[in-house]
């Protein structure tokens, strides 16, 4: 369950981090 979610989250986080260098989404908290 978490494995599949993590894979997608990592890809999303990587793209988000690239766009939001200073702004960090609440993705880590969720």
C-alpha atoms as a PDB file:
ATOM      1  CA  UNK A   1       0.000   0.000   0.000  1.00  0.00           C
ATOM      2  CA  UNK A   2       2.637   2.543   1.030  1.00  0.00           C
ATOM      3  CA  UNK A   3       5.108   1.224  -1.527  1.00  0.00           C
ATOM      4  CA  UNK A   4       2.974   2.247  -4.501  1.00  0.00           C
ATOM      5  CA  UNK A   5       2.030   5.520  -2.845  1.00  0.00           C
ATOM      6  CA  UNK A   6       5.637   6.366  -2.051  1.00  0.00           C
ATOM      7  CA  UNK A   7       6.749   5.794  -5.636  1.00  0.00           C
ATOM      8  CA  UNK A   8       4.176   8.261  -6.897  1.00  0.00           C
ATOM      9  CA  UNK A   9       4.834  10.687  -4.070  1.00  0.00           C
ATOM     10  CA  UNK A  10       8.585  10.663  -4.677  1.00  0.00           C
ATOM     11  CA  UNK A  11       8.086  11.496  -8.352  1.00  0.00           C
ATOM     12  CA  UNK A  12       5.636  14.242  -7.442  1.00  0.00           C
ATOM     13  CA  UNK A  13       7.849  15.582  -4.668  1.00  0.00           C
ATOM     14  CA  UNK A  14      10.875  15.646  -6.965  1.00  0.00           C
ATOM     15  CA  UNK A  15       8.983  17.679  -9.563  1.00  0.00           C
ATOM     16  CA  UNK A  16       7.504  19.926  -6.904  1.00  0.00           C
ATOM     17  CA  UNK A  17      10.847  20.508  -5.224  1.00  0.00           C
ATOM     18  CA  UNK A  18      12.296  21.455  -8.595  1.00  0.00           C
ATOM     19  CA  UNK A  19       9.621  24.109  -9.042  1.00  0.00           C
ATOM     20  CA  UNK A  20       9.301  25.073  -5.377  1.00  0.00           C
ATOM     21  CA  UNK A  21      12.859  25.499  -4.163  1.00  0.00           C
ATOM     22  CA  UNK A  22      12.036  27.683  -1.182  1.00  0.00           C
ATOM     23  CA  UNK A  23       8.399  26.706  -0.802  1.00  0.00           C
ATOM     24  CA  UNK A  24       7.938  23.198   0.575  1.00  0.00           C
ATOM     25  CA  UNK A  25       4.491  21.652   0.060  1.00  0.00           C
ATOM     26  CA  UNK A  26       2.665  19.905   2.913  1.00  0.00           C
ATOM     27  CA  UNK A  27       3.381  16.626   1.119  1.00  0.00           C
ATOM     28  CA  UNK A  28       5.893  15.542   3.783  1.00  0.00           C
ATOM     29  CA  UNK A  29       3.416  16.061   6.585  1.00  0.00           C
ATOM     30  CA  UNK A  30       0.634  14.038   4.971  1.00  0.00           C
END
